[in-house]
N, C-alpha and C. Protein backbone atom coordinates (compact mmCIF):
# COMPACT_ATOMS: atom_id res chain seq x y z
N MET A 1 98.40 20.18 73.67
CA MET A 1 98.59 19.72 72.31
C MET A 1 99.34 18.75 73.61
N ALA A 2 100.43 18.54 74.37
CA ALA A 2 101.11 17.76 75.62
C ALA A 2 99.89 17.02 75.94
N MET A 3 98.71 17.83 76.56
CA MET A 3 97.68 16.68 76.87
C MET A 3 97.06 15.32 76.14
N ASN A 4 96.35 16.41 74.99
CA ASN A 4 96.24 15.39 73.52
C ASN A 4 96.94 14.18 73.55
N THR A 5 98.05 14.16 73.50
CA THR A 5 99.38 13.31 73.44
C THR A 5 99.22 12.51 74.42
N SER A 6 99.14 12.80 76.02
CA SER A 6 99.71 11.81 77.59
C SER A 6 97.61 11.27 77.05
N THR A 7 96.96 11.85 76.55
CA THR A 7 95.19 11.22 76.93
C THR A 7 95.79 9.84 75.78
N HIS A 8 95.77 9.98 74.74
CA HIS A 8 96.62 9.21 73.46
C HIS A 8 96.95 8.15 74.33
N ALA A 9 98.20 8.24 74.78
CA ALA A 9 99.23 7.45 75.01
C ALA A 9 98.99 6.23 76.07
N ALA A 10 97.73 6.71 77.25
CA ALA A 10 97.19 6.25 78.44
C ALA A 10 96.74 5.46 77.47
N SER A 11 95.24 6.26 76.36
CA SER A 11 94.88 4.99 76.17
C SER A 11 95.23 3.57 75.42
N GLY A 12 96.09 4.26 74.69
CA GLY A 12 96.98 3.03 74.14
C GLY A 12 97.13 2.38 75.30
N ASP A 13 97.79 2.35 76.04
CA ASP A 13 97.88 1.48 77.48
C ASP A 13 96.69 0.70 78.31
N VAL A 14 96.04 0.95 78.15
CA VAL A 14 94.68 0.35 79.05
C VAL A 14 94.41 -0.39 77.38
N ARG A 15 93.76 -0.67 76.44
CA ARG A 15 93.59 -1.31 75.15
C ARG A 15 94.83 -2.35 74.93
N ALA A 16 96.13 -1.70 74.72
CA ALA A 16 97.40 -2.92 75.52
C ALA A 16 97.50 -3.93 76.75
N THR A 17 96.95 -3.18 78.04
CA THR A 17 97.12 -3.47 79.06
C THR A 17 95.55 -5.05 78.78
N ILE A 18 94.38 -4.53 77.99
CA ILE A 18 93.05 -5.66 78.03
C ILE A 18 93.88 -6.85 77.21
N LEU A 19 94.26 -6.63 75.73
CA LEU A 19 94.72 -7.46 75.23
C LEU A 19 95.97 -8.15 75.72
N ALA A 20 97.02 -7.57 76.64
CA ALA A 20 97.98 -8.69 76.93
C ALA A 20 97.62 -9.67 78.05
N THR A 21 96.07 -9.22 78.81
CA THR A 21 95.38 -9.94 80.07
C THR A 21 94.75 -10.88 79.57
N GLY A 22 94.49 -10.70 78.26
CA GLY A 22 93.19 -11.92 77.17
C GLY A 22 94.08 -12.69 77.08
N GLN A 23 95.62 -12.51 76.87
CA GLN A 23 95.65 -13.41 75.76
C GLN A 23 96.64 -14.24 76.49
N ARG A 24 97.27 -13.53 77.75
CA ARG A 24 97.81 -14.36 78.97
C ARG A 24 96.21 -15.78 79.50
N LEU A 25 95.77 -15.24 79.84
CA LEU A 25 94.23 -15.94 80.22
C LEU A 25 93.47 -16.73 78.85
N MET A 26 93.63 -16.78 77.87
CA MET A 26 93.10 -17.54 76.96
C MET A 26 94.13 -18.64 75.90
N ALA A 27 95.25 -17.48 76.76
CA ALA A 27 96.48 -18.53 76.25
C ALA A 27 96.46 -20.05 76.99
N GLY A 28 96.10 -19.76 78.58
CA GLY A 28 95.91 -21.66 79.23
C GLY A 28 94.75 -21.63 79.27
N LYS A 29 94.22 -21.40 79.89
CA LYS A 29 92.40 -21.40 79.35
C LYS A 29 91.48 -21.26 78.16
N GLY A 30 91.86 -20.91 77.21
CA GLY A 30 91.25 -20.81 75.92
C GLY A 30 90.14 -19.57 75.98
N TYR A 31 89.19 -19.32 75.06
CA TYR A 31 88.37 -18.70 74.25
C TYR A 31 87.27 -18.47 75.04
N SER A 32 86.99 -20.06 75.59
CA SER A 32 85.37 -19.78 75.71
C SER A 32 85.27 -20.22 77.91
N ALA A 33 86.85 -20.35 77.74
CA ALA A 33 86.93 -20.08 79.22
C ALA A 33 86.97 -19.27 79.89
N VAL A 34 86.13 -18.07 79.05
CA VAL A 34 87.44 -17.16 79.52
C VAL A 34 86.51 -16.08 79.38
N GLY A 35 86.09 -15.69 80.83
CA GLY A 35 84.93 -14.47 80.65
C GLY A 35 85.59 -13.37 80.57
N LEU A 36 84.59 -11.97 80.09
CA LEU A 36 85.17 -10.15 80.04
C LEU A 36 85.04 -10.00 81.67
N ASN A 37 84.40 -10.69 82.36
CA ASN A 37 84.87 -9.75 83.84
C ASN A 37 86.70 -9.68 84.61
N GLU A 38 86.59 -11.60 83.75
CA GLU A 38 87.78 -12.42 84.39
C GLU A 38 88.52 -11.32 83.71
N ILE A 39 88.97 -11.11 82.73
CA ILE A 39 89.47 -10.18 82.05
C ILE A 39 90.00 -9.51 82.22
N LEU A 40 88.92 -7.90 82.49
CA LEU A 40 88.92 -6.92 83.18
C LEU A 40 89.25 -7.30 84.63
N THR A 41 88.84 -7.70 85.23
CA THR A 41 89.09 -7.57 86.56
C THR A 41 91.11 -8.13 86.81
N SER A 42 91.13 -8.68 86.12
CA SER A 42 93.22 -9.20 85.55
C SER A 42 93.82 -7.70 85.56
N ALA A 43 92.75 -7.34 84.52
CA ALA A 43 93.80 -6.39 84.49
C ALA A 43 93.88 -4.66 85.37
N GLY A 44 93.11 -4.64 85.87
CA GLY A 44 91.93 -4.39 86.32
C GLY A 44 92.01 -2.28 85.72
N VAL A 45 90.46 -3.27 84.88
CA VAL A 45 89.83 -2.10 84.09
C VAL A 45 88.40 -2.35 84.23
N PRO A 46 87.68 -0.74 83.78
CA PRO A 46 86.74 -1.71 83.88
C PRO A 46 86.13 -1.70 82.76
N LYS A 47 84.77 -2.29 82.80
CA LYS A 47 84.04 -3.08 81.94
C LYS A 47 83.63 -1.61 81.25
N GLY A 48 83.45 -0.73 81.10
CA GLY A 48 82.72 0.83 79.64
C GLY A 48 84.59 0.52 79.27
N SER A 49 85.33 0.51 79.94
CA SER A 49 86.68 0.65 78.72
C SER A 49 86.96 -0.39 78.06
N PHE A 50 86.19 -1.60 77.92
CA PHE A 50 86.62 -2.96 76.85
C PHE A 50 85.78 -2.31 76.40
N TYR A 51 84.62 -1.83 76.31
CA TYR A 51 83.66 -1.29 76.04
C TYR A 51 83.67 0.36 74.70
N HIS A 52 84.67 0.80 74.76
CA HIS A 52 85.13 1.56 74.26
C HIS A 52 85.75 1.15 73.14
N TYR A 53 87.61 0.14 73.24
CA TYR A 53 87.90 -0.18 72.06
C TYR A 53 87.36 -1.73 71.11
N PHE A 54 86.59 -2.22 72.20
CA PHE A 54 86.08 -3.24 71.28
C PHE A 54 84.22 -3.55 71.76
N GLY A 55 84.14 -3.44 70.47
CA GLY A 55 82.30 -3.58 70.24
C GLY A 55 82.26 -5.36 71.06
N SER A 56 82.41 -6.15 71.20
CA SER A 56 82.33 -6.81 71.73
C SER A 56 83.00 -8.13 72.27
N LYS A 57 83.00 -9.36 72.62
CA LYS A 57 83.50 -9.91 72.61
C LYS A 57 84.74 -11.05 71.86
N ASP A 58 84.21 -10.85 70.64
CA ASP A 58 84.42 -11.85 69.62
C ASP A 58 84.91 -10.75 68.31
N ALA A 59 84.89 -9.21 68.69
CA ALA A 59 85.80 -8.11 67.89
C ALA A 59 87.11 -8.55 69.38
N PHE A 60 87.11 -8.50 70.69
CA PHE A 60 87.76 -8.15 71.04
C PHE A 60 88.88 -9.89 69.86
N GLY A 61 88.40 -10.90 70.72
CA GLY A 61 89.67 -11.58 69.87
C GLY A 61 89.77 -11.94 69.09
N GLU A 62 88.65 -11.18 68.03
CA GLU A 62 89.40 -10.92 66.92
C GLU A 62 90.56 -9.92 67.05
N ALA A 63 90.93 -8.86 67.29
CA ALA A 63 91.97 -7.74 67.61
C ALA A 63 92.83 -8.77 68.73
N LEU A 64 92.70 -9.50 69.69
CA LEU A 64 93.44 -10.40 70.17
C LEU A 64 94.67 -11.63 69.05
N LEU A 65 94.33 -11.89 68.25
CA LEU A 65 94.64 -12.49 67.36
C LEU A 65 95.50 -12.08 66.34
N ASP A 66 94.62 -10.48 66.01
CA ASP A 66 95.43 -9.83 65.09
C ASP A 66 97.02 -9.26 65.61
N HIS A 67 96.84 -8.63 67.20
CA HIS A 67 98.01 -8.46 67.71
C HIS A 67 98.77 -9.99 68.22
N TYR A 68 98.15 -10.47 68.52
CA TYR A 68 98.98 -11.69 68.73
C TYR A 68 100.12 -11.99 67.48
N PHE A 69 99.80 -12.11 65.92
CA PHE A 69 100.17 -12.82 64.89
C PHE A 69 101.22 -11.53 64.59
N GLU A 70 100.62 -9.62 65.10
CA GLU A 70 101.15 -9.42 64.54
C GLU A 70 103.12 -9.31 65.25
N GLN A 71 102.87 -9.74 66.60
CA GLN A 71 103.90 -9.21 67.49
C GLN A 71 105.02 -10.89 66.66
N TYR A 72 104.08 -12.27 66.74
CA TYR A 72 104.88 -12.67 66.51
C TYR A 72 105.34 -13.26 64.98
N LEU A 73 105.32 -13.04 63.77
CA LEU A 73 105.65 -12.31 62.70
C LEU A 73 107.02 -11.65 62.59
N ALA A 74 107.02 -10.76 63.49
CA ALA A 74 107.80 -9.61 63.84
C ALA A 74 109.24 -10.92 64.31
N GLU A 75 108.68 -11.59 65.70
CA GLU A 75 109.54 -12.61 66.33
C GLU A 75 110.14 -13.08 64.50
N ILE A 76 109.52 -13.67 63.88
CA ILE A 76 109.39 -14.50 62.95
C ILE A 76 111.07 -13.82 62.37
N ASP A 77 110.75 -12.78 61.98
CA ASP A 77 111.94 -12.22 61.38
C ASP A 77 113.08 -11.99 61.36
N VAL A 78 112.78 -11.26 63.13
CA VAL A 78 114.27 -10.99 63.12
C VAL A 78 114.56 -12.48 64.00
N THR A 79 114.65 -13.33 63.94
CA THR A 79 114.61 -14.97 63.87
C THR A 79 115.90 -15.10 62.18
N LEU A 80 114.80 -15.65 61.08
CA LEU A 80 115.19 -15.29 60.14
C LEU A 80 115.77 -14.21 59.04
N ALA A 81 116.19 -14.02 59.88
CA ALA A 81 117.19 -12.63 59.73
C ALA A 81 118.35 -11.82 60.16
N GLN A 82 118.82 -13.28 61.45
CA GLN A 82 120.53 -13.56 62.49
C GLN A 82 121.34 -13.06 61.64
N PRO A 83 121.95 -12.48 61.59
CA PRO A 83 122.93 -12.31 60.63
C PRO A 83 124.03 -13.78 61.40
N ASP A 84 125.18 -14.27 60.46
CA ASP A 84 126.05 -15.00 60.73
C ASP A 84 126.29 -16.29 60.59
N LEU A 85 124.68 -16.26 59.75
CA LEU A 85 123.99 -17.84 59.81
C LEU A 85 123.79 -18.12 58.63
N THR A 86 123.43 -19.45 58.15
CA THR A 86 123.23 -19.84 56.92
C THR A 86 121.22 -19.78 56.84
N MET A 87 121.06 -19.89 55.88
CA MET A 87 119.29 -19.54 55.65
C MET A 87 118.72 -20.75 56.49
N ALA A 88 119.53 -22.26 56.59
CA ALA A 88 119.12 -23.48 56.91
C ALA A 88 119.19 -23.56 58.64
N GLN A 89 120.53 -22.92 59.22
CA GLN A 89 120.43 -23.01 60.34
C GLN A 89 119.17 -21.65 60.85
N ARG A 90 119.21 -20.43 60.28
CA ARG A 90 117.78 -20.01 60.91
C ARG A 90 116.64 -20.05 60.81
N VAL A 91 115.96 -21.00 59.54
CA VAL A 91 114.81 -21.90 60.06
C VAL A 91 115.32 -23.01 60.82
N VAL A 92 116.44 -23.69 60.90
CA VAL A 92 116.14 -25.07 62.48
C VAL A 92 116.40 -23.66 64.08
N ARG A 93 116.64 -23.03 63.47
CA ARG A 93 116.38 -21.83 64.59
C ARG A 93 114.86 -21.29 65.24
N TYR A 94 114.39 -21.71 64.23
CA TYR A 94 113.01 -20.82 64.37
C TYR A 94 112.31 -22.13 64.71
N PHE A 95 112.44 -22.66 64.78
CA PHE A 95 111.77 -24.35 65.52
C PHE A 95 111.93 -24.48 66.94
N GLU A 96 114.03 -24.47 67.03
CA GLU A 96 114.25 -24.92 68.95
C GLU A 96 113.87 -23.33 69.08
N LEU A 97 113.24 -22.29 68.43
CA LEU A 97 112.80 -21.35 69.63
C LEU A 97 111.39 -21.92 69.75
N TRP A 98 110.42 -22.10 68.99
CA TRP A 98 109.06 -22.40 68.71
C TRP A 98 108.83 -23.64 70.22
N GLN A 99 109.61 -24.72 70.23
CA GLN A 99 109.53 -25.39 70.68
C GLN A 99 110.00 -25.08 72.41
N ALA A 100 111.02 -23.99 72.67
CA ALA A 100 111.38 -23.73 73.72
C ALA A 100 109.62 -22.30 74.16
N SER A 101 109.16 -22.24 73.40
CA SER A 101 107.51 -21.29 73.54
C SER A 101 106.54 -21.79 73.97
N GLN A 102 106.17 -23.39 73.52
CA GLN A 102 105.26 -23.82 73.52
C GLN A 102 105.18 -25.07 74.64
N SER A 103 105.83 -24.30 76.22
CA SER A 103 106.50 -25.61 77.09
C SER A 103 104.28 -25.68 77.48
N PHE A 104 104.42 -27.10 77.68
CA PHE A 104 103.23 -27.75 78.03
C PHE A 104 102.49 -27.60 79.48
N VAL A 105 103.79 -26.59 80.37
CA VAL A 105 103.26 -26.67 81.35
C VAL A 105 102.72 -24.71 81.75
N ASP A 106 103.07 -24.17 81.13
CA ASP A 106 103.02 -22.63 81.03
C ASP A 106 103.63 -21.65 79.92
N CYS A 107 103.26 -21.44 78.92
CA CYS A 107 103.71 -20.34 77.67
C CYS A 107 103.58 -18.86 78.04
N GLN A 108 103.01 -18.59 78.80
CA GLN A 108 103.06 -17.52 79.12
C GLN A 108 102.53 -16.52 78.22
N GLY A 109 101.04 -17.02 76.75
CA GLY A 109 101.10 -16.22 76.66
C GLY A 109 101.39 -16.62 74.83
N LYS A 110 102.34 -17.70 74.60
CA LYS A 110 103.19 -17.35 73.64
C LYS A 110 102.22 -18.51 72.74
N CYS A 111 101.43 -19.23 73.43
CA CYS A 111 100.90 -20.71 72.93
C CYS A 111 99.57 -20.55 72.16
N LEU A 112 98.67 -18.83 71.91
CA LEU A 112 97.60 -18.48 71.59
C LEU A 112 97.28 -19.63 70.76
N ALA A 113 97.28 -20.03 69.36
CA ALA A 113 97.09 -19.86 68.46
C ALA A 113 97.31 -21.26 68.08
N VAL A 114 98.31 -22.02 69.22
CA VAL A 114 97.90 -23.27 69.01
C VAL A 114 96.58 -23.75 70.43
N LYS A 115 96.61 -22.97 71.41
CA LYS A 115 95.66 -23.09 71.96
C LYS A 115 93.96 -22.57 71.29
N MET A 116 93.88 -21.67 70.98
CA MET A 116 92.56 -21.57 69.98
C MET A 116 92.36 -21.94 68.62
N ALA A 117 92.91 -22.22 68.32
CA ALA A 117 92.81 -22.67 67.15
C ALA A 117 91.60 -23.86 66.50
N ALA A 118 91.18 -24.51 66.81
CA ALA A 118 90.52 -25.01 66.57
C ALA A 118 88.77 -24.96 66.92
N GLU A 119 89.13 -24.37 68.34
CA GLU A 119 88.16 -23.54 69.53
C GLU A 119 87.86 -22.39 68.60
N VAL A 120 88.56 -21.59 67.91
CA VAL A 120 87.47 -20.46 67.50
C VAL A 120 87.10 -20.21 65.93
N ALA A 121 87.34 -21.17 65.40
CA ALA A 121 87.54 -21.46 64.09
C ALA A 121 85.43 -21.76 63.45
N ASP A 122 85.41 -22.30 65.19
CA ASP A 122 83.89 -23.21 64.47
C ASP A 122 83.19 -22.29 65.89
N LEU A 123 83.64 -21.44 66.21
CA LEU A 123 82.87 -20.44 66.65
C LEU A 123 82.66 -19.01 66.46
N SER A 124 83.66 -18.34 65.61
CA SER A 124 83.52 -17.31 65.19
C SER A 124 83.98 -16.94 63.63
N GLU A 125 83.61 -16.92 62.67
CA GLU A 125 84.25 -16.58 61.28
C GLU A 125 84.95 -15.74 61.38
N THR A 126 85.57 -14.18 61.94
CA THR A 126 85.85 -13.41 62.15
C THR A 126 87.18 -14.03 62.63
N MET A 127 87.15 -14.62 63.92
CA MET A 127 88.45 -15.14 63.87
C MET A 127 89.13 -16.06 63.38
N ARG A 128 88.15 -17.13 62.97
CA ARG A 128 88.63 -17.63 62.39
C ARG A 128 89.65 -17.07 61.05
N LEU A 129 88.91 -16.04 60.52
CA LEU A 129 89.16 -15.44 59.01
C LEU A 129 90.58 -14.68 59.94
N ALA A 130 91.08 -14.03 60.96
CA ALA A 130 91.77 -13.73 61.78
C ALA A 130 93.41 -14.50 61.46
N MET A 131 92.37 -16.22 62.30
CA MET A 131 93.25 -17.26 62.71
C MET A 131 94.61 -17.54 61.20
N ALA A 132 93.52 -17.64 60.16
CA ALA A 132 93.95 -17.88 59.03
C ALA A 132 94.87 -16.88 58.32
N ARG A 133 94.56 -16.02 58.89
CA ARG A 133 95.96 -14.85 58.05
C ARG A 133 96.94 -14.73 58.99
N GLY A 134 97.10 -14.90 60.56
CA GLY A 134 98.40 -15.04 60.85
C GLY A 134 98.97 -16.72 60.08
N THR A 135 98.10 -17.71 60.43
CA THR A 135 98.49 -18.39 59.84
C THR A 135 99.37 -18.56 58.40
N SER A 136 98.96 -17.85 57.58
CA SER A 136 99.46 -17.93 56.16
C SER A 136 99.80 -16.90 56.04
N GLY A 137 100.65 -15.69 57.01
CA GLY A 137 101.34 -15.25 57.39
C GLY A 137 102.87 -15.99 57.67
N ILE A 138 102.94 -16.54 58.20
CA ILE A 138 103.54 -17.44 58.99
C ILE A 138 104.27 -18.79 57.94
N VAL A 139 103.16 -19.41 57.27
CA VAL A 139 104.08 -19.99 55.94
C VAL A 139 104.22 -19.46 54.89
N SER A 140 104.66 -18.16 54.12
CA SER A 140 104.98 -17.74 53.66
C SER A 140 105.70 -16.83 54.14
N ARG A 141 106.33 -16.38 55.21
CA ARG A 141 107.78 -16.62 56.24
C ARG A 141 108.55 -17.42 55.74
N LEU A 142 107.47 -18.35 55.99
CA LEU A 142 108.53 -19.94 55.99
C LEU A 142 109.38 -20.01 54.34
N ALA A 143 108.08 -20.13 53.99
CA ALA A 143 108.39 -20.31 52.42
C ALA A 143 109.67 -20.23 51.68
N ALA A 144 109.48 -18.53 51.96
CA ALA A 144 110.57 -17.48 51.17
C ALA A 144 111.98 -17.75 52.12
N ALA A 145 111.87 -18.42 53.44
CA ALA A 145 113.37 -18.79 53.63
C ALA A 145 113.98 -19.80 53.15
N ILE A 146 113.07 -20.99 53.13
CA ILE A 146 112.58 -21.83 52.67
C ILE A 146 114.05 -21.87 50.73
N GLU A 147 112.88 -20.74 49.98
CA GLU A 147 113.41 -20.48 48.92
C GLU A 147 115.00 -19.72 48.71
N ALA A 148 114.86 -19.25 50.17
CA ALA A 148 116.76 -18.90 50.37
C ALA A 148 117.74 -19.09 49.97
N GLY A 149 117.01 -20.31 51.41
CA GLY A 149 118.40 -21.61 51.69
C GLY A 149 118.64 -22.63 50.48
N VAL A 150 117.76 -22.57 49.41
CA VAL A 150 117.94 -23.65 48.77
C VAL A 150 118.97 -22.99 47.36
N ALA A 151 118.06 -21.34 47.56
CA ALA A 151 119.08 -20.85 46.23
C ALA A 151 120.68 -20.92 47.22
N GLU A 152 121.27 -20.09 48.43
CA GLU A 152 122.02 -20.48 48.38
C GLU A 152 122.68 -22.33 48.95
N GLY A 153 122.02 -22.63 48.58
CA GLY A 153 123.28 -24.35 48.73
C GLY A 153 122.62 -25.17 50.26
N SER A 154 122.18 -23.77 51.31
CA SER A 154 122.25 -24.75 53.28
C SER A 154 121.12 -25.70 52.69
N LEU A 155 120.10 -25.45 51.58
CA LEU A 155 119.07 -26.65 51.93
C LEU A 155 118.42 -26.88 50.46
N ARG A 156 118.04 -28.19 50.68
CA ARG A 156 117.63 -29.48 49.87
C ARG A 156 115.85 -29.52 49.77
N VAL A 157 114.88 -29.42 48.97
CA VAL A 157 113.77 -29.98 49.47
C VAL A 157 112.70 -30.54 47.61
N ALA A 158 111.95 -31.14 48.30
CA ALA A 158 111.82 -32.22 47.09
C ALA A 158 111.06 -31.69 46.44
N VAL A 159 110.42 -31.14 47.01
CA VAL A 159 108.95 -30.15 46.43
C VAL A 159 109.18 -28.43 46.17
N ASP A 160 107.60 -27.89 46.02
CA ASP A 160 108.13 -26.76 45.73
C ASP A 160 108.55 -25.89 47.33
N ALA A 161 108.51 -25.26 48.31
CA ALA A 161 108.89 -24.15 49.13
C ALA A 161 107.58 -24.11 49.96
N ASN A 162 106.99 -23.81 48.80
CA ASN A 162 105.39 -23.15 50.01
C ASN A 162 104.64 -25.30 50.58
N SER A 163 104.72 -25.70 49.49
CA SER A 163 104.39 -26.70 50.16
C SER A 163 104.49 -27.65 51.67
N VAL A 164 106.23 -27.39 51.49
CA VAL A 164 107.58 -28.07 52.36
C VAL A 164 107.10 -26.85 53.63
N ALA A 165 106.88 -25.28 53.27
CA ALA A 165 106.15 -24.08 54.28
C ALA A 165 105.58 -25.05 54.95
N ARG A 166 104.05 -24.98 54.90
CA ARG A 166 102.94 -25.95 55.20
C ARG A 166 102.86 -27.20 55.75
N SER A 167 103.38 -27.77 54.62
CA SER A 167 103.71 -29.03 56.07
C SER A 167 104.53 -29.07 57.46
N LEU A 168 105.04 -27.94 57.08
CA LEU A 168 106.14 -27.53 58.34
C LEU A 168 105.28 -27.77 59.26
N TYR A 169 104.53 -26.69 59.23
CA TYR A 169 103.91 -25.61 60.03
C TYR A 169 102.39 -26.24 60.40
N GLN A 170 102.30 -27.25 59.37
CA GLN A 170 101.14 -28.46 59.98
C GLN A 170 101.61 -29.40 61.14
N LEU A 171 102.79 -29.77 60.59
CA LEU A 171 103.52 -30.62 61.86
C LEU A 171 103.52 -30.20 63.05
N TRP A 172 105.03 -28.82 63.45
CA TRP A 172 104.33 -28.42 64.30
C TRP A 172 103.36 -28.17 64.83
N LEU A 173 102.10 -27.78 64.80
CA LEU A 173 101.44 -27.79 64.84
C LEU A 173 100.50 -28.18 65.95
N GLY A 174 100.31 -29.47 65.14
CA GLY A 174 99.93 -30.71 65.41
C GLY A 174 100.78 -31.46 66.58
N ALA A 175 102.26 -31.07 66.52
CA ALA A 175 103.16 -31.73 67.48
C ALA A 175 102.90 -30.46 68.95
N SER A 176 103.03 -29.57 68.67
CA SER A 176 102.06 -29.38 70.08
C SER A 176 101.15 -28.71 70.94
N ILE A 177 99.84 -29.25 69.80
CA ILE A 177 98.92 -30.69 70.73
C ILE A 177 99.34 -31.53 71.14
N MET A 178 99.48 -32.30 70.49
CA MET A 178 100.28 -33.88 70.72
C MET A 178 101.29 -33.61 72.22
N VAL A 179 102.15 -32.55 72.82
CA VAL A 179 102.87 -32.11 73.97
C VAL A 179 102.05 -32.10 75.36
N LYS A 180 100.89 -30.96 74.53
CA LYS A 180 100.00 -30.92 75.39
C LYS A 180 99.09 -32.02 75.90
N ILE A 181 98.84 -33.12 75.35
CA ILE A 181 98.17 -34.16 75.85
C ILE A 181 99.02 -35.49 76.10
N GLU A 182 100.34 -35.34 76.04
CA GLU A 182 101.29 -36.07 76.38
C GLU A 182 101.79 -35.56 77.91
N ARG A 183 102.34 -34.23 77.42
CA ARG A 183 102.82 -34.09 78.62
C ARG A 183 104.22 -34.32 79.32
N ASP A 184 104.88 -34.30 77.85
CA ASP A 184 106.21 -34.18 77.79
C ASP A 184 106.39 -33.90 75.98
N GLY A 185 107.39 -33.39 76.37
CA GLY A 185 108.29 -33.23 74.96
C GLY A 185 108.92 -33.55 73.48
N THR A 186 108.37 -35.15 73.82
CA THR A 186 108.41 -36.33 72.66
C THR A 186 108.25 -35.79 71.44
N ALA A 187 106.86 -35.00 70.98
CA ALA A 187 106.37 -35.01 69.48
C ALA A 187 106.96 -34.08 69.18
N PHE A 188 107.72 -32.86 69.67
CA PHE A 188 109.03 -31.76 69.65
C PHE A 188 109.83 -32.40 69.55
N VAL A 189 110.83 -34.22 69.57
CA VAL A 189 111.89 -34.60 69.13
C VAL A 189 111.78 -34.96 67.67
N THR A 190 110.24 -35.86 67.66
CA THR A 190 109.57 -35.98 66.45
C THR A 190 109.66 -35.02 65.14
N ALA A 191 108.78 -33.98 65.98
CA ALA A 191 108.92 -33.46 65.10
C ALA A 191 110.24 -32.74 64.62
N MET A 192 111.10 -32.35 64.85
CA MET A 192 112.74 -31.59 64.69
C MET A 192 113.42 -32.73 63.55
N ALA A 193 113.44 -34.09 63.92
CA ALA A 193 114.15 -35.16 63.14
C ALA A 193 113.06 -35.32 61.44
N THR A 194 111.30 -35.16 61.75
CA THR A 194 111.37 -35.23 60.27
C THR A 194 111.08 -33.22 59.51
N THR A 195 111.38 -32.45 60.45
CA THR A 195 111.73 -31.32 59.58
C THR A 195 112.86 -31.04 58.62
N ARG A 196 113.97 -31.86 59.62
CA ARG A 196 115.53 -31.93 59.36
C ARG A 196 114.98 -32.89 57.63
N GLN A 197 114.41 -33.99 57.96
CA GLN A 197 114.20 -34.98 56.35
C GLN A 197 113.58 -33.94 55.87
N LEU A 198 112.89 -33.56 56.00
CA LEU A 198 112.14 -32.53 54.79
C LEU A 198 113.26 -31.96 54.06
N LEU A 199 113.80 -31.35 54.93
CA LEU A 199 114.64 -29.89 54.15
C LEU A 199 116.11 -30.41 54.16
N GLN A 200 116.13 -31.91 54.32
CA GLN A 200 117.70 -32.64 53.90
C GLN A 200 118.67 -31.92 55.00
N LEU A 201 118.38 -31.62 55.58
CA LEU A 201 119.17 -31.57 56.75
C LEU A 201 119.94 -32.97 57.01
N PRO A 202 121.31 -33.03 57.55
CA PRO A 202 121.77 -34.26 58.93
C PRO A 202 120.90 -34.64 59.81
N PRO A 203 120.80 -35.40 60.34
CA PRO A 203 120.57 -35.85 61.73
C PRO A 203 121.51 -34.71 62.78
N ALA A 204 120.53 -34.01 63.71
CA ALA A 204 121.85 -33.00 64.77
C ALA A 204 122.74 -34.06 65.29
């Protein structure tokens, strides 16, 4: 019995290694520019092991996005539940962490959604749907946080919380792309100022 448990754990480790390696490489180069051989060589995993877990590169891409958003949403949940802060402070903190993680030099795999969004939407319907599921999860969490902030009095919004949350996500996604184009953080400064306006918070 112990042997089966160990084998299962080792198998899980191999799959996790492939996903982590793919996330790091694709966040830097994009989906199309990274081949399976590069992933497997970097991960130190034979090709047979890849096809044991993933039937194709597209299936891998879908699993990669699901895995990425599972981790990302868990991190959001932690940020939006930080004790001893108002919901307004938690929401601002979320976008501060976004800015810190979306480096135009090296995002360490944390900018996967930004890097792959437009690319995979045109390449694969299954990956597009995985991206849609993940981004919908982000928007719904932001909307719930904004509603809670309005209820406690730390936030005010002119329209419904879901519309504001969607606008904020679109704003920051666009800012992340502009940061990569311009190679500086000016777009994030503008995005934060606009965020504070939408949430009717005083300037920082």
